[in-house]
Amino acid sequence: MKKLFGVFLICSFVFVIYTENKSMPEMYEFKEDREEAVPAVTSSELASGDEEIPDRLPGPKLGSPAPEFTLKSLSGETVSLTNFKGKKVLINFWAAWCKPCTAELPALEAFNKSGQKDIQVLSINIDPEDHAGEFAKEAGISFPVLLDEDDKVNEEYQVISIPTSLLIDENGYVINKHIGAMDEEGFHVFVQ
């Protein structure tokens, strides 16, 4: 009797595993409402300086208006993109847990302190406030660190990888974008 019960138990277990893990063909069907895939951009293409590359990246297209946002800064101040109309704005998306981001921020700080008076640097952190504050304080960040706590700005700008940087012109239009970390010289080239 015990053997029969053991066989029944094993068969039941196998049946449950089979029914729970069977393939679902609807997962593989083409969905008409899916967005088109983003064309791949290789590092050699980025290094080539091809002006069409930034427009192939997700997010606002070059020449399109930058999506407006209003966020709280680490200091508690409310900051809107429209506050900087008439000035170029370099927006940098990052998080404290992102190693390339934390490696890039000192270069962004050096760029900010290098006399770029006509460019306002804004960093948008997608990490909880306490991590951003700790890192910004340790790194001596002097530009505003804005907190996108509900991920709305991140989604609006279609940020798929961090760090991501965008350059907004004096009239509020996107004029350049870059996915990945840059050094100080890279930021100087990016804003030209």
C-alpha atoms as a PDB file:
ATOM      1  CA  MET A   1       0.000   0.000   0.000  1.00  0.00           C
ATOM      2  CA  LYS A   2       2.845   2.375   0.863  1.00  0.00           C
ATOM      3  CA  LYS A   3       4.458   1.691  -2.530  1.00  0.00           C
ATOM      4  CA  LEU A   4       1.188   2.437  -4.335  1.00  0.00           C
ATOM      5  CA  PHE A   5       0.779   5.679  -2.393  1.00  0.00           C
ATOM      6  CA  GLY A   6       4.411   6.642  -3.210  1.00  0.00           C
ATOM      7  CA  VAL A   7       3.845   5.996  -6.935  1.00  0.00           C
ATOM      8  CA  PHE A   8       0.627   8.035  -6.813  1.00  0.00           C
ATOM      9  CA  LEU A   9       2.449  10.896  -5.083  1.00  0.00           C
ATOM     10  CA  ILE A  10       5.271  10.912  -7.644  1.00  0.00           C
ATOM     11  CA  CYS A  11       2.800  10.796 -10.562  1.00  0.00           C
ATOM     12  CA  SER A  12       0.820  13.670  -9.053  1.00  0.00           C
ATOM     13  CA  PHE A  13       3.993  15.717  -8.634  1.00  0.00           C
ATOM     14  CA  VAL A  14       5.057  15.075 -12.250  1.00  0.00           C
ATOM     15  CA  PHE A  15       1.555  15.976 -13.487  1.00  0.00           C
ATOM     16  CA  VAL A  16       1.532  19.272 -11.553  1.00  0.00           C
ATOM     17  CA  ILE A  17       5.000  20.207 -12.820  1.00  0.00           C
ATOM     18  CA  TYR A  18       3.979  19.350 -16.394  1.00  0.00           C
ATOM     19  CA  THR A  19       0.744  21.352 -16.330  1.00  0.00           C
ATOM     20  CA  GLU A  20       2.327  24.378 -14.657  1.00  0.00           C
ATOM     21  CA  ASN A  21       5.258  24.545 -17.063  1.00  0.00           C
ATOM     22  CA  LYS A  22       3.679  23.674 -20.388  1.00  0.00           C
ATOM     23  CA  SER A  23       4.378  26.117 -23.135  1.00  0.00           C
ATOM     24  CA  MET A  24       1.930  28.896 -23.907  1.00  0.00           C
ATOM     25  CA  PRO A  25       1.801  29.444 -27.681  1.00  0.00           C
ATOM     26  CA  GLU A  26       0.141  32.858 -27.281  1.00  0.00           C
ATOM     27  CA  MET A  27       3.438  34.133 -25.866  1.00  0.00           C
ATOM     28  CA  TYR A  28       5.060  33.660 -29.253  1.00  0.00           C
ATOM     29  CA  GLU A  29       2.358  35.218 -31.402  1.00  0.00           C
ATOM     30  CA  PHE A  30       3.106  38.536 -33.088  1.00  0.00           C
ATOM     31  CA  LYS A  31       1.300  41.381 -31.369  1.00  0.00           C
ATOM     32  CA  GLU A  32       0.266  44.255 -33.624  1.00  0.00           C
ATOM     33  CA  ASP A  33       0.360  46.789 -30.800  1.00  0.00           C
ATOM     34  CA  ARG A  34       4.017  46.211 -29.910  1.00  0.00           C
ATOM     35  CA  GLU A  35       6.412  49.048 -30.577  1.00  0.00           C
ATOM     36  CA  GLU A  36       9.038  48.646 -33.255  1.00  0.00           C
ATOM     37  CA  ALA A  37      12.378  47.393 -31.982  1.00  0.00           C
ATOM     38  CA  VAL A  38      15.110  49.977 -31.498  1.00  0.00           C
ATOM     39  CA  PRO A  39      17.852  49.516 -34.115  1.00  0.00           C
ATOM     40  CA  ALA A  40      21.141  48.506 -32.547  1.00  0.00           C
ATOM     41  CA  VAL A  41      23.854  51.132 -32.308  1.00  0.00           C
ATOM     42  CA  THR A  42      27.378  49.781 -32.058  1.00  0.00           C
ATOM     43  CA  SER A  43      30.176  51.478 -30.161  1.00  0.00           C
ATOM     44  CA  SER A  44      32.078  51.940 -33.433  1.00  0.00           C
ATOM     45  CA  GLU A  45      29.066  53.781 -34.869  1.00  0.00           C
ATOM     46  CA  LEU A  46      28.965  56.044 -31.815  1.00  0.00           C
ATOM     47  CA  ALA A  47      32.692  56.715 -32.128  1.00  0.00           C
ATOM     48  CA  SER A  48      32.296  57.539 -35.830  1.00  0.00           C
ATOM     49  CA  GLY A  49      30.517  60.799 -34.980  1.00  0.00           C
ATOM     50  CA  ASP A  50      27.637  59.956 -37.343  1.00  0.00           C
ATOM     51  CA  GLU A  51      25.049  62.668 -36.703  1.00  0.00           C
ATOM     52  CA  GLU A  52      22.125  60.292 -37.359  1.00  0.00           C
ATOM     53  CA  ILE A  53      23.062  57.991 -34.460  1.00  0.00           C
ATOM     54  CA  PRO A  54      21.488  60.061 -31.627  1.00  0.00           C
ATOM     55  CA  ASP A  55      18.195  60.164 -33.513  1.00  0.00           C
ATOM     56  CA  ARG A  56      18.120  56.354 -33.658  1.00  0.00           C
ATOM     57  CA  LEU A  57      18.217  56.176 -29.870  1.00  0.00           C
ATOM     58  CA  PRO A  58      14.912  55.884 -27.982  1.00  0.00           C
ATOM     59  CA  GLY A  59      13.339  58.936 -26.423  1.00  0.00           C
ATOM     60  CA  PRO A  60      12.634  62.400 -27.775  1.00  0.00           C
ATOM     61  CA  LYS A  61      13.909  62.856 -31.327  1.00  0.00           C
ATOM     62  CA  LEU A  62      16.465  65.525 -32.144  1.00  0.00           C
ATOM     63  CA  GLY A  63      14.685  68.781 -32.904  1.00  0.00           C
ATOM     64  CA  SER A  64      11.587  67.808 -30.914  1.00  0.00           C
ATOM     65  CA  PRO A  65      10.474  69.678 -27.788  1.00  0.00           C
ATOM     66  CA  ALA A  66      11.924  68.232 -24.583  1.00  0.00           C
ATOM     67  CA  PRO A  67       9.154  66.857 -22.357  1.00  0.00           C
ATOM     68  CA  GLU A  68       8.464  69.275 -19.508  1.00  0.00           C
ATOM     69  CA  PHE A  69       8.977  68.096 -15.944  1.00  0.00           C
ATOM     70  CA  THR A  70       8.876  69.409 -12.399  1.00  0.00           C
ATOM     71  CA  LEU A  71      10.812  67.511  -9.726  1.00  0.00           C
ATOM     72  CA  LYS A  72      12.053  68.054  -6.180  1.00  0.00           C
ATOM     73  CA  SER A  73      15.788  68.437  -5.687  1.00  0.00           C
ATOM     74  CA  LEU A  74      17.832  66.916  -2.875  1.00  0.00           C
ATOM     75  CA  SER A  75      17.659  70.310  -1.151  1.00  0.00           C
ATOM     76  CA  GLY A  76      13.830  70.225  -1.288  1.00  0.00           C
ATOM     77  CA  GLU A  77      13.570  72.893  -3.985  1.00  0.00           C
ATOM     78  CA  THR A  78      11.034  72.403  -6.812  1.00  0.00           C
ATOM     79  CA  VAL A  79      12.779  72.558 -10.193  1.00  0.00           C
ATOM     80  CA  SER A  80      11.119  72.698 -13.630  1.00  0.00           C
ATOM     81  CA  LEU A  81      12.736  72.462 -17.033  1.00  0.00           C
ATOM     82  CA  THR A  82      10.992  75.730 -17.969  1.00  0.00           C
ATOM     83  CA  ASN A  83      12.997  77.492 -15.217  1.00  0.00           C
ATOM     84  CA  PHE A  84      15.954  77.360 -17.617  1.00  0.00           C
ATOM     85  CA  LYS A  85      14.314  78.658 -20.804  1.00  0.00           C
ATOM     86  CA  GLY A  86      16.880  80.798 -22.606  1.00  0.00           C
ATOM     87  CA  LYS A  87      19.753  78.587 -21.412  1.00  0.00           C
ATOM     88  CA  LYS A  88      21.072  75.242 -22.662  1.00  0.00           C
ATOM     89  CA  VAL A  89      20.383  72.371 -20.265  1.00  0.00           C
ATOM     90  CA  LEU A  90      22.384  69.159 -19.982  1.00  0.00           C
ATOM     91  CA  ILE A  91      20.171  66.491 -18.380  1.00  0.00           C
ATOM     92  CA  ASN A  92      21.870  63.386 -17.006  1.00  0.00           C
ATOM     93  CA  PHE A  93      19.865  60.348 -15.809  1.00  0.00           C
ATOM     94  CA  TRP A  94      21.665  58.198 -13.219  1.00  0.00           C
ATOM     95  CA  ALA A  95      21.368  56.062 -10.074  1.00  0.00           C
ATOM     96  CA  ALA A  96      23.695  55.514  -7.126  1.00  0.00           C
ATOM     97  CA  TRP A  97      23.681  51.724  -7.653  1.00  0.00           C
ATOM     98  CA  CYS A  98      24.885  52.139 -11.282  1.00  0.00           C
ATOM     99  CA  LYS A  99      28.706  51.802 -11.414  1.00  0.00           C
ATOM    100  CA  PRO A 100      29.112  53.623 -14.790  1.00  0.00           C
ATOM    101  CA  CYS A 101      26.913  56.437 -13.416  1.00  0.00           C
ATOM    102  CA  THR A 102      28.943  56.888 -10.254  1.00  0.00           C
ATOM    103  CA  ALA A 103      32.141  56.783 -12.305  1.00  0.00           C
ATOM    104  CA  GLU A 104      30.739  59.439 -14.675  1.00  0.00           C
ATOM    105  CA  LEU A 105      29.426  61.950 -12.113  1.00  0.00           C
ATOM    106  CA  PRO A 106      32.855  63.311 -11.089  1.00  0.00           C
ATOM    107  CA  ALA A 107      33.528  64.000 -14.800  1.00  0.00           C
ATOM    108  CA  LEU A 108      30.163  65.762 -15.063  1.00  0.00           C
ATOM    109  CA  GLU A 109      31.043  67.798 -11.961  1.00  0.00           C
ATOM    110  CA  ALA A 110      34.425  68.733 -13.501  1.00  0.00           C
ATOM    111  CA  PHE A 111      32.623  69.729 -16.723  1.00  0.00           C
ATOM    112  CA  ASN A 112      30.155  71.821 -14.704  1.00  0.00           C
ATOM    113  CA  LYS A 113      32.993  73.646 -12.922  1.00  0.00           C
ATOM    114  CA  SER A 114      34.983  74.215 -16.133  1.00  0.00           C
ATOM    115  CA  GLY A 115      33.327  77.535 -16.901  1.00  0.00           C
ATOM    116  CA  GLN A 116      30.316  76.422 -18.946  1.00  0.00           C
ATOM    117  CA  LYS A 117      28.242  79.457 -17.903  1.00  0.00           C
ATOM    118  CA  ASP A 118      25.733  79.076 -20.757  1.00  0.00           C
ATOM    119  CA  ILE A 119      24.862  75.465 -19.829  1.00  0.00           C
ATOM    120  CA  GLN A 120      22.823  74.364 -16.799  1.00  0.00           C
ATOM    121  CA  VAL A 121      23.579  70.814 -15.646  1.00  0.00           C
ATOM    122  CA  LEU A 122      20.674  68.888 -14.099  1.00  0.00           C
ATOM    123  CA  SER A 123      20.983  65.315 -12.920  1.00  0.00           C
ATOM    124  CA  ILE A 124      17.858  63.218 -12.562  1.00  0.00           C
ATOM    125  CA  ASN A 125      18.271  60.400 -10.093  1.00  0.00           C
ATOM    126  CA  ILE A 126      16.056  57.335 -10.404  1.00  0.00           C
ATOM    127  CA  ASP A 127      17.238  55.949  -7.041  1.00  0.00           C
ATOM    128  CA  PRO A 128      15.642  56.465  -3.600  1.00  0.00           C
ATOM    129  CA  GLU A 129      16.485  59.862  -2.108  1.00  0.00           C
ATOM    130  CA  ASP A 130      18.744  58.580   0.657  1.00  0.00           C
ATOM    131  CA  HIS A 131      21.162  56.863  -1.754  1.00  0.00           C
ATOM    132  CA  ALA A 132      21.312  59.855  -4.100  1.00  0.00           C
ATOM    133  CA  GLY A 133      21.912  62.259  -1.250  1.00  0.00           C
ATOM    134  CA  GLU A 134      24.703  60.197   0.251  1.00  0.00           C
ATOM    135  CA  PHE A 135      26.502  59.826  -3.056  1.00  0.00           C
ATOM    136  CA  ALA A 136      26.044  63.458  -4.151  1.00  0.00           C
ATOM    137  CA  LYS A 137      27.415  64.679  -0.823  1.00  0.00           C
ATOM    138  CA  GLU A 138      30.432  62.341  -0.938  1.00  0.00           C
ATOM    139  CA  ALA A 139      31.175  63.289  -4.574  1.00  0.00           C
ATOM    140  CA  GLY A 140      30.818  67.035  -3.926  1.00  0.00           C
ATOM    141  CA  ILE A 141      28.154  67.506  -6.607  1.00  0.00           C
ATOM    142  CA  SER A 142      27.336  71.215  -7.041  1.00  0.00           C
ATOM    143  CA  PHE A 143      24.617  70.995  -9.707  1.00  0.00           C
ATOM    144  CA  PRO A 144      20.974  70.199  -8.844  1.00  0.00           C
ATOM    145  CA  VAL A 145      20.219  66.525  -8.224  1.00  0.00           C
ATOM    146  CA  LEU A 146      16.533  65.983  -8.998  1.00  0.00           C
ATOM    147  CA  LEU A 147      14.561  63.002  -7.702  1.00  0.00           C
ATOM    148  CA  ASP A 148      12.340  61.074 -10.110  1.00  0.00           C
ATOM    149  CA  GLU A 149      10.785  58.999  -7.343  1.00  0.00           C
ATOM    150  CA  ASP A 150       7.784  57.789  -9.356  1.00  0.00           C
ATOM    151  CA  ASP A 151       9.768  57.209 -12.590  1.00  0.00           C
ATOM    152  CA  LYS A 152       7.479  59.491 -14.641  1.00  0.00           C
ATOM    153  CA  VAL A 153      10.284  61.591 -16.160  1.00  0.00           C
ATOM    154  CA  ASN A 154      12.379  58.490 -16.780  1.00  0.00           C
ATOM    155  CA  GLU A 155       9.436  56.964 -18.687  1.00  0.00           C
ATOM    156  CA  GLU A 156       8.598  60.204 -20.526  1.00  0.00           C
ATOM    157  CA  TYR A 157      12.171  60.445 -21.814  1.00  0.00           C
ATOM    158  CA  GLN A 158      12.174  56.682 -22.582  1.00  0.00           C
ATOM    159  CA  VAL A 159      15.435  56.084 -20.746  1.00  0.00           C
ATOM    160  CA  ILE A 160      16.389  52.457 -21.411  1.00  0.00           C
ATOM    161  CA  SER A 161      19.874  52.494 -19.910  1.00  0.00           C
ATOM    162  CA  ILE A 162      21.784  54.692 -17.523  1.00  0.00           C
ATOM    163  CA  PRO A 163      23.672  56.900 -17.579  1.00  0.00           C
ATOM    164  CA  THR A 164      21.822  58.743 -20.346  1.00  0.00           C
ATOM    165  CA  SER A 165      22.462  62.399 -21.217  1.00  0.00           C
ATOM    166  CA  LEU A 166      20.398  64.840 -23.273  1.00  0.00           C
ATOM    167  CA  LEU A 167      21.224  68.375 -24.364  1.00  0.00           C
ATOM    168  CA  ILE A 168      18.318  70.816 -24.565  1.00  0.00           C
ATOM    169  CA  ASP A 169      18.740  74.115 -26.428  1.00  0.00           C
ATOM    170  CA  GLU A 170      17.730  77.594 -25.245  1.00  0.00           C
ATOM    171  CA  ASN A 171      14.232  77.152 -26.720  1.00  0.00           C
ATOM    172  CA  GLY A 172      13.535  73.783 -25.090  1.00  0.00           C
ATOM    173  CA  TYR A 173      14.361  71.469 -28.026  1.00  0.00           C
ATOM    174  CA  VAL A 174      16.448  68.293 -27.829  1.00  0.00           C
ATOM    175  CA  ILE A 175      19.684  68.845 -29.774  1.00  0.00           C
ATOM    176  CA  ASN A 176      21.805  65.865 -28.667  1.00  0.00           C
ATOM    177  CA  LYS A 177      21.567  62.638 -26.666  1.00  0.00           C
ATOM    178  CA  HIS A 178      23.961  59.955 -25.523  1.00  0.00           C
ATOM    179  CA  ILE A 179      23.563  56.601 -23.788  1.00  0.00           C
ATOM    180  CA  GLY A 180      26.526  55.546 -21.674  1.00  0.00           C
ATOM    181  CA  ALA A 181      29.176  57.123 -19.508  1.00  0.00           C
ATOM    182  CA  MET A 182      31.339  60.024 -20.703  1.00  0.00           C
ATOM    183  CA  ASP A 183      34.509  61.588 -19.368  1.00  0.00           C
ATOM    184  CA  GLU A 184      34.964  65.361 -18.990  1.00  0.00           C
ATOM    185  CA  GLU A 185      36.246  65.726 -22.553  1.00  0.00           C
ATOM    186  CA  GLY A 186      33.275  63.701 -23.775  1.00  0.00           C
ATOM    187  CA  PHE A 187      30.893  66.192 -22.146  1.00  0.00           C
ATOM    188  CA  HIS A 188      32.700  69.100 -23.839  1.00  0.00           C
ATOM    189  CA  VAL A 189      32.338  67.375 -27.229  1.00  0.00           C
ATOM    190  CA  PHE A 190      28.703  66.448 -26.449  1.00  0.00           C
ATOM    191  CA  VAL A 191      27.633  70.073 -25.899  1.00  0.00           C
ATOM    192  CA  GLN A 192      29.268  71.497 -29.064  1.00  0.00           C
END
